[in-house]
Amino acid sequence: MNPRSFACVLLVGLLLTASCSDAPEPPPPAEPPNVAHKVCLAISSDGLGDNGYNDMQYAALVAARTRYGFALDVQTLQEGPPDVPASPALPELALRQLLDRNCTVVIAGQGWSMLAAVERLAPSHPQVRFFVVDACPATPLPNVAGSRFHVEEAAFLAGYLAAAVSQSNALGSVGGAAAPAVLDFIQGFEAGAIHRNARCSLHRIFLSEAHPEANPWNSPARAQAVARHLAREHKVDVLFAVAGGSNAGVFRSAAEDGLKAIGVDTDQDHLAKGVILTSVMKRVDVALEEVLGDIMSNTFENKLYSFSLKNGGVGLSPMTYTRASLSTALSEELEDIRRKIIAGDITVPSSQ
């Protein structure tokens, strides 16, 4: 990435209030308010409104604030225009800004890119509790907890489904970058596809490699072009979108070209009804509910929180707009595979 003289950290430091003029009054908190706590979330450069990972974390914190009564602060990393990649130095700069604003809990919302900064900063802020989403320190730190989402398990189901509905026997993945958190999705997806159809042709493109000049997590136009390339050059008819805010471009390509797509992180099915077969859900909301409960009850541990099909931390979306189109036999196959993964009868590969 070429350095830019106008590089900056776009800070969205908002003390957020839970209000909605046409919504009923929220119930009183189930626990006494923890006004001494200030929970701070650092999110990736695609920011809020990504219809995915960032929005799910934010919504979970707003819900938790209703229960626990803590103050909430959110910060987005950004450098230059939205489609320009962020500087590797930004995570530490952003976390320092949050710490300067007296946060007592810091959530590193894009853990794989923020882990090194957390490891550098946590020892000098022993009073702050850090939770790293999707990563864990190599050396344990007393005030840092990590997390591991076994998204490969749910992605295996999605790959099996994609191979079952594909007419061309060609599937494609559009990833933001070849980071472990992304590779887990794609490896699980490809393994599931091969489990269903060993003759499947599998293709993958990472936006960070195809367009290094751009922000891979917020470049929908480039993602659309990449998806169209996969369809035209390799006859791909099901696209797996693992690229944050860039997923919108993949979905647009699928809708315009008569293809199918699969989303990630949250239930993205509504973004292209009937086009998106399902979404591989990484239930960061479940993770944040658990770790915040531990922090507020003073039972926080510097451990690795693990989430899988078994404990509901990952899974497929309800397929609200597509389930009726699946045969009974295929639905039963998917459920049988889900049970076998949970039981350990099927081992799903991962990058971690």
Protein backbone atom coordinates (compact mmCIF):
# COMPACT_ATOMS: atom_id res chain seq x y z
CA MET A 1 0.00 0.00 0.00
CA ASN A 2 1.33 3.45 -0.90
CA PRO A 3 1.42 5.75 2.16
CA ARG A 4 -0.80 8.79 1.94
CA SER A 5 -0.10 12.12 3.51
CA PHE A 6 -3.74 12.51 4.39
CA ALA A 7 -3.92 9.24 6.31
CA CYS A 8 -6.15 9.49 9.30
CA VAL A 9 -8.12 7.49 11.72
CA LEU A 10 -11.79 8.28 11.29
CA LEU A 11 -13.11 7.98 14.77
CA VAL A 12 -16.71 7.36 15.45
CA GLY A 13 -16.61 7.98 19.19
CA LEU A 14 -20.23 8.22 20.04
CA LEU A 15 -21.77 7.69 23.40
CA LEU A 16 -24.79 5.86 22.11
CA THR A 17 -28.26 6.06 23.58
CA ALA A 18 -30.91 3.42 23.15
CA SER A 19 -33.97 5.19 21.88
CA CYS A 20 -36.65 4.58 19.31
CA SER A 21 -39.63 6.87 19.06
CA ASP A 22 -42.04 4.24 17.81
CA ALA A 23 -40.76 1.35 19.93
CA PRO A 24 -42.13 0.29 23.33
CA GLU A 25 -40.18 1.22 26.42
CA PRO A 26 -37.45 -1.36 27.11
CA PRO A 27 -37.82 -3.51 30.21
CA PRO A 28 -35.79 -2.48 33.27
CA PRO A 29 -32.29 -3.96 33.41
CA ALA A 30 -32.17 -7.47 34.82
CA GLU A 31 -29.01 -6.52 36.72
CA PRO A 32 -28.06 -3.29 38.56
CA PRO A 33 -26.53 -0.79 36.12
CA ASN A 34 -22.76 -1.04 35.79
CA VAL A 35 -22.22 2.67 35.25
CA ALA A 36 -18.59 2.22 36.26
CA HIS A 37 -18.03 0.25 33.06
CA LYS A 38 -17.39 1.73 29.66
CA VAL A 39 -17.43 -0.88 26.91
CA CYS A 40 -15.58 0.11 23.74
CA LEU A 41 -15.71 -1.60 20.36
CA ALA A 42 -13.10 -1.18 17.62
CA ILE A 43 -14.39 -2.30 14.23
CA SER A 44 -12.95 -2.67 10.75
CA SER A 45 -12.86 0.00 8.08
CA ASP A 46 -16.19 -0.94 6.50
CA GLY A 47 -17.81 0.46 9.66
CA LEU A 48 -21.40 0.23 10.75
CA GLY A 49 -24.02 -0.44 8.12
CA ASP A 50 -22.09 -3.38 6.63
CA ASN A 51 -25.11 -5.70 7.04
CA GLY A 52 -22.71 -8.18 8.56
CA TYR A 53 -19.98 -8.62 11.12
CA ASN A 54 -19.78 -5.08 12.45
CA ASP A 55 -23.52 -4.56 12.66
CA MET A 56 -23.96 -7.83 14.58
CA GLN A 57 -21.39 -6.80 17.18
CA TYR A 58 -22.90 -3.37 17.59
CA ALA A 59 -26.43 -4.74 17.95
CA ALA A 60 -25.23 -7.23 20.58
CA LEU A 61 -23.63 -4.45 22.61
CA VAL A 62 -26.72 -2.25 22.43
CA ALA A 63 -28.81 -5.18 23.70
CA ALA A 64 -26.30 -5.89 26.48
CA ARG A 65 -26.25 -2.24 27.49
CA THR A 66 -30.00 -2.39 28.07
CA ARG A 67 -29.39 -5.18 30.56
CA TYR A 68 -26.21 -3.98 32.26
CA GLY A 69 -26.37 -0.20 31.92
CA PHE A 70 -22.78 0.43 30.82
CA ALA A 71 -21.57 3.31 28.65
CA LEU A 72 -20.78 2.41 25.04
CA ASP A 73 -18.22 3.79 22.61
CA VAL A 74 -17.56 2.67 19.02
CA GLN A 75 -14.63 3.44 16.77
CA THR A 76 -14.17 2.66 13.10
CA LEU A 77 -10.76 2.36 11.47
CA GLN A 78 -10.45 4.33 8.27
CA GLU A 79 -7.77 5.86 6.11
CA GLY A 80 -8.54 8.08 3.16
CA PRO A 81 -11.44 7.16 0.83
CA PRO A 82 -13.63 4.18 1.84
CA ASP A 83 -12.20 1.89 -0.85
CA VAL A 84 -8.55 2.48 0.09
CA PRO A 85 -6.92 -0.13 2.36
CA ALA A 86 -6.28 0.84 5.96
CA SER A 87 -2.74 1.23 7.27
CA PRO A 88 -1.43 -1.64 9.41
CA ALA A 89 -0.64 0.96 12.09
CA LEU A 90 -4.26 1.98 12.52
CA PRO A 91 -5.39 -0.77 14.93
CA GLU A 92 -2.91 0.32 17.62
CA LEU A 93 -3.67 4.00 17.07
CA ALA A 94 -7.39 3.30 17.36
CA LEU A 95 -7.05 1.16 20.49
CA ARG A 96 -4.88 3.83 22.12
CA GLN A 97 -7.59 6.37 21.40
CA LEU A 98 -10.17 4.16 23.09
CA LEU A 99 -7.93 3.65 26.10
CA ASP A 100 -7.42 7.40 26.33
CA ARG A 101 -11.21 7.69 26.57
CA ASN A 102 -11.19 5.62 29.78
CA CYS A 103 -12.65 2.38 28.47
CA THR A 104 -12.81 -0.41 31.03
CA VAL A 105 -13.64 -3.09 28.45
CA VAL A 106 -12.15 -3.10 24.95
CA ILE A 107 -13.47 -5.41 22.25
CA ALA A 108 -11.14 -5.90 19.30
CA GLY A 109 -13.83 -6.52 16.71
CA GLN A 110 -11.51 -7.61 13.90
CA GLY A 111 -9.24 -9.71 16.01
CA TRP A 112 -6.87 -11.09 13.38
CA SER A 113 -5.78 -7.56 12.45
CA MET A 114 -5.90 -6.13 15.99
CA LEU A 115 -4.33 -8.96 18.01
CA ALA A 116 -0.75 -7.69 17.84
CA ALA A 117 -1.86 -4.25 19.05
CA VAL A 118 -3.80 -5.80 21.94
CA GLU A 119 -0.74 -7.85 22.93
CA ARG A 120 1.39 -4.68 23.01
CA LEU A 121 -1.11 -2.53 24.91
CA ALA A 122 -2.73 -4.90 27.42
CA PRO A 123 0.26 -5.26 29.80
CA SER A 124 0.37 -1.49 30.39
CA HIS A 125 -3.40 -1.34 31.03
CA PRO A 126 -3.95 -4.16 33.57
CA GLN A 127 -7.23 -2.64 34.79
CA VAL A 128 -8.83 -2.98 31.32
CA ARG A 129 -10.43 -6.21 30.13
CA PHE A 130 -9.74 -7.01 26.47
CA PHE A 131 -11.78 -9.42 24.36
CA VAL A 132 -10.38 -10.36 20.96
CA VAL A 133 -12.91 -11.58 18.40
CA ASP A 134 -11.57 -14.39 16.21
CA ALA A 135 -8.06 -14.55 17.67
CA CYS A 136 -6.18 -15.37 20.86
CA PRO A 137 -2.78 -14.27 22.21
CA ALA A 138 0.04 -16.73 21.65
CA THR A 139 1.21 -16.03 25.21
CA PRO A 140 -1.55 -15.76 27.83
CA LEU A 141 -2.13 -12.31 29.28
CA PRO A 142 -4.12 -11.95 32.53
CA ASN A 143 -6.52 -9.32 31.19
CA VAL A 144 -7.03 -10.67 27.64
CA ALA A 145 -9.52 -13.30 26.48
CA GLY A 146 -9.65 -14.61 22.93
CA SER A 147 -12.21 -16.46 20.87
CA ARG A 148 -12.39 -19.11 18.19
CA PHE A 149 -15.42 -19.55 15.96
CA HIS A 150 -15.53 -22.89 14.19
CA VAL A 151 -17.19 -21.38 11.14
CA GLU A 152 -15.71 -24.15 9.03
CA GLU A 153 -18.37 -26.46 10.48
CA ALA A 154 -21.27 -24.32 9.29
CA ALA A 155 -19.47 -23.52 6.03
CA PHE A 156 -19.20 -27.27 5.37
CA LEU A 157 -23.01 -27.40 5.37
CA ALA A 158 -23.17 -24.41 3.04
CA GLY A 159 -20.70 -26.02 0.64
CA TYR A 160 -22.71 -29.23 0.62
CA LEU A 161 -25.85 -27.22 -0.19
CA ALA A 162 -24.08 -25.25 -2.92
CA ALA A 163 -22.82 -28.40 -4.61
CA ALA A 164 -26.29 -29.91 -4.43
CA VAL A 165 -27.96 -27.02 -6.26
CA SER A 166 -25.16 -26.16 -8.72
CA GLN A 167 -25.94 -26.92 -12.35
CA SER A 168 -22.41 -26.30 -13.61
CA ASN A 169 -20.54 -28.15 -10.86
CA ALA A 170 -18.43 -25.02 -10.42
CA LEU A 171 -18.36 -23.00 -7.20
CA GLY A 172 -16.47 -19.81 -6.42
CA SER A 173 -15.41 -17.98 -3.26
CA VAL A 174 -14.73 -14.25 -3.08
CA GLY A 175 -12.70 -13.50 0.05
CA GLY A 176 -11.52 -10.18 1.43
CA ALA A 177 -8.04 -11.43 2.32
CA ALA A 178 -6.33 -14.76 2.96
CA ALA A 179 -6.58 -14.30 6.74
CA PRO A 180 -7.25 -17.33 8.99
CA ALA A 181 -10.75 -16.10 9.83
CA VAL A 182 -11.59 -15.99 6.10
CA LEU A 183 -9.79 -19.20 5.18
CA ASP A 184 -11.81 -21.13 7.76
CA PHE A 185 -14.99 -20.19 5.91
CA ILE A 186 -13.61 -21.09 2.51
CA GLN A 187 -11.90 -24.34 3.50
CA GLY A 188 -15.01 -25.59 5.23
CA PHE A 189 -17.14 -24.58 2.25
CA GLU A 190 -14.90 -26.38 -0.23
CA ALA A 191 -14.72 -29.51 1.93
CA GLY A 192 -18.52 -29.63 2.14
CA ALA A 193 -18.82 -29.23 -1.62
CA ILE A 194 -16.42 -32.09 -2.28
CA HIS A 195 -18.25 -34.23 0.29
CA ARG A 196 -21.39 -33.82 -1.81
CA ASN A 197 -19.79 -33.94 -5.26
CA ALA A 198 -16.16 -34.96 -5.71
CA ARG A 199 -16.28 -33.63 -9.30
CA CYS A 200 -16.93 -30.05 -8.20
CA SER A 201 -14.62 -27.41 -9.62
CA LEU A 202 -13.61 -24.96 -6.90
CA HIS A 203 -12.28 -21.44 -7.43
CA ARG A 204 -11.29 -18.67 -5.03
CA ILE A 205 -10.18 -15.06 -5.42
CA PHE A 206 -9.08 -12.69 -2.65
CA LEU A 207 -9.80 -9.02 -3.23
CA SER A 208 -6.61 -8.03 -1.37
CA GLU A 209 -4.63 -9.84 -4.07
CA ALA A 210 -6.75 -9.03 -7.11
CA HIS A 211 -7.03 -5.35 -6.14
CA PRO A 212 -4.25 -4.49 -3.66
CA GLU A 213 -4.91 -0.80 -4.17
CA ALA A 214 -8.38 -1.08 -2.61
CA ASN A 215 -9.92 -1.80 0.78
CA PRO A 216 -10.94 -5.45 0.39
CA TRP A 217 -13.70 -5.14 2.99
CA ASN A 218 -15.46 -2.16 1.44
CA SER A 219 -15.14 -2.37 -2.34
CA PRO A 220 -18.42 -3.78 -3.65
CA ALA A 221 -17.82 -2.67 -7.25
CA ARG A 222 -14.54 -4.58 -7.39
CA ALA A 223 -16.16 -7.60 -5.73
CA GLN A 224 -18.90 -7.53 -8.35
CA ALA A 225 -16.32 -7.55 -11.13
CA VAL A 226 -14.45 -10.45 -9.53
CA ALA A 227 -17.67 -12.43 -9.11
CA ARG A 228 -18.59 -11.80 -12.74
CA HIS A 229 -15.13 -13.00 -13.80
CA LEU A 230 -15.62 -16.26 -11.89
CA ALA A 231 -18.98 -16.81 -13.57
CA ARG A 232 -17.80 -16.06 -17.09
CA GLU A 233 -14.35 -17.64 -17.02
CA HIS A 234 -15.05 -20.67 -14.84
CA LYS A 235 -18.82 -21.19 -15.22
CA VAL A 236 -19.32 -20.67 -11.49
CA ASP A 237 -23.03 -20.58 -10.64
CA VAL A 238 -22.86 -20.39 -6.81
CA LEU A 239 -20.76 -17.64 -5.20
CA PHE A 240 -19.57 -17.69 -1.59
CA ALA A 241 -19.06 -14.12 -0.36
CA VAL A 242 -16.56 -13.71 2.52
CA ALA A 243 -15.55 -10.08 2.14
CA GLY A 244 -17.38 -7.91 4.66
CA GLY A 245 -19.01 -4.86 3.09
CA SER A 246 -17.78 -5.99 -0.35
CA ASN A 247 -20.27 -8.85 -0.22
CA ALA A 248 -22.90 -6.49 -1.61
CA GLY A 249 -21.11 -6.56 -4.95
CA VAL A 250 -21.09 -10.36 -5.03
CA PHE A 251 -24.80 -10.45 -4.31
CA ARG A 252 -25.47 -7.87 -7.02
CA SER A 253 -23.54 -9.94 -9.55
CA ALA A 254 -25.47 -13.09 -8.61
CA ALA A 255 -28.82 -11.30 -8.88
CA GLU A 256 -28.04 -9.70 -12.24
CA ASP A 257 -26.53 -12.83 -13.79
CA GLY A 258 -29.07 -15.39 -12.56
CA LEU A 259 -26.71 -17.09 -10.12
CA LYS A 260 -26.93 -18.09 -6.46
CA ALA A 261 -24.88 -16.76 -3.57
CA ILE A 262 -24.12 -17.53 0.06
CA GLY A 263 -23.47 -14.87 2.70
CA VAL A 264 -21.54 -14.90 5.97
CA ASP A 265 -21.42 -13.59 9.53
CA THR A 266 -25.07 -12.53 9.92
CA ASP A 267 -28.27 -13.65 8.23
CA GLN A 268 -27.73 -11.81 4.95
CA ASP A 269 -30.46 -13.68 3.06
CA HIS A 270 -32.74 -10.63 2.95
CA LEU A 271 -30.18 -8.63 0.98
CA ALA A 272 -31.06 -10.59 -2.18
CA LYS A 273 -34.18 -12.61 -1.46
CA GLY A 274 -34.19 -15.95 -3.22
CA VAL A 275 -30.71 -15.32 -4.64
CA ILE A 276 -28.81 -15.90 -1.41
CA LEU A 277 -29.30 -19.58 -0.60
CA THR A 278 -28.20 -19.25 3.02
CA SER A 279 -25.69 -17.46 5.21
CA VAL A 280 -22.95 -19.00 7.32
CA MET A 281 -23.59 -17.26 10.62
CA LYS A 282 -20.78 -16.44 13.00
CA ARG A 283 -22.74 -15.66 16.15
CA VAL A 284 -20.54 -12.92 17.55
CA ASP A 285 -23.65 -11.75 19.41
CA VAL A 286 -23.66 -15.03 21.35
CA ALA A 287 -19.95 -14.58 22.15
CA LEU A 288 -20.34 -11.00 23.34
CA GLU A 289 -23.33 -11.91 25.50
CA GLU A 290 -21.25 -14.59 27.22
CA VAL A 291 -18.07 -12.61 27.76
CA LEU A 292 -19.87 -9.45 28.90
CA GLY A 293 -21.87 -11.53 31.37
CA ASP A 294 -18.59 -12.81 32.79
CA ILE A 295 -17.10 -9.32 33.00
CA MET A 296 -20.15 -7.78 34.66
CA SER A 297 -20.32 -10.61 37.21
CA ASN A 298 -16.57 -10.39 37.90
CA THR A 299 -15.95 -13.93 36.63
CA PHE A 300 -13.88 -12.90 33.60
CA GLU A 301 -11.02 -15.29 32.74
CA ASN A 302 -8.13 -14.94 30.33
CA LYS A 303 -9.28 -17.97 28.39
CA LEU A 304 -10.18 -18.96 24.84
CA TYR A 305 -13.93 -18.83 24.28
CA SER A 306 -14.89 -21.47 21.71
CA PHE A 307 -18.02 -21.45 19.55
CA SER A 308 -19.25 -24.23 17.28
CA LEU A 309 -22.32 -25.97 15.88
CA LYS A 310 -22.65 -27.78 19.20
CA ASN A 311 -23.12 -24.68 21.35
CA GLY A 312 -24.92 -22.59 18.73
CA GLY A 313 -22.02 -20.22 18.15
CA VAL A 314 -22.08 -20.90 14.40
CA GLY A 315 -24.74 -22.22 12.04
CA LEU A 316 -26.71 -21.66 8.87
CA SER A 317 -29.37 -18.99 8.58
CA PRO A 318 -33.02 -20.10 8.69
CA MET A 319 -33.14 -19.82 4.86
CA THR A 320 -36.37 -17.84 5.07
CA TYR A 321 -36.56 -17.23 1.32
CA THR A 322 -35.11 -20.49 -0.02
CA ARG A 323 -35.92 -23.37 2.31
CA ALA A 324 -39.21 -24.12 0.55
CA SER A 325 -37.28 -24.74 -2.67
CA LEU A 326 -35.12 -27.47 -1.11
CA SER A 327 -36.24 -31.06 -1.42
CA THR A 328 -37.14 -32.91 1.72
CA ALA A 329 -34.28 -35.30 1.03
CA LEU A 330 -31.71 -32.48 0.83
CA SER A 331 -32.99 -30.87 4.03
CA GLU A 332 -32.68 -34.21 5.79
CA GLU A 333 -29.16 -34.71 4.43
CA LEU A 334 -28.08 -31.32 5.78
CA GLU A 335 -29.49 -32.12 9.21
CA ASP A 336 -27.80 -35.53 9.21
CA ILE A 337 -24.45 -33.94 8.34
CA ARG A 338 -24.90 -31.31 11.05
CA ARG A 339 -25.41 -34.06 13.63
CA LYS A 340 -22.38 -35.99 12.38
CA ILE A 341 -20.14 -32.93 12.64
CA ILE A 342 -21.31 -32.32 16.20
CA ALA A 343 -20.73 -35.98 17.07
CA GLY A 344 -17.25 -35.92 15.57
CA ASP A 345 -18.09 -38.40 12.83
CA ILE A 346 -17.14 -35.81 10.20
CA THR A 347 -13.94 -33.83 10.70
CA VAL A 348 -13.94 -30.46 8.97
CA PRO A 349 -10.60 -28.92 7.95
CA SER A 350 -9.65 -25.45 9.12
CA SER A 351 -6.72 -23.08 8.80
CA GLN A 352 -6.18 -22.79 12.56
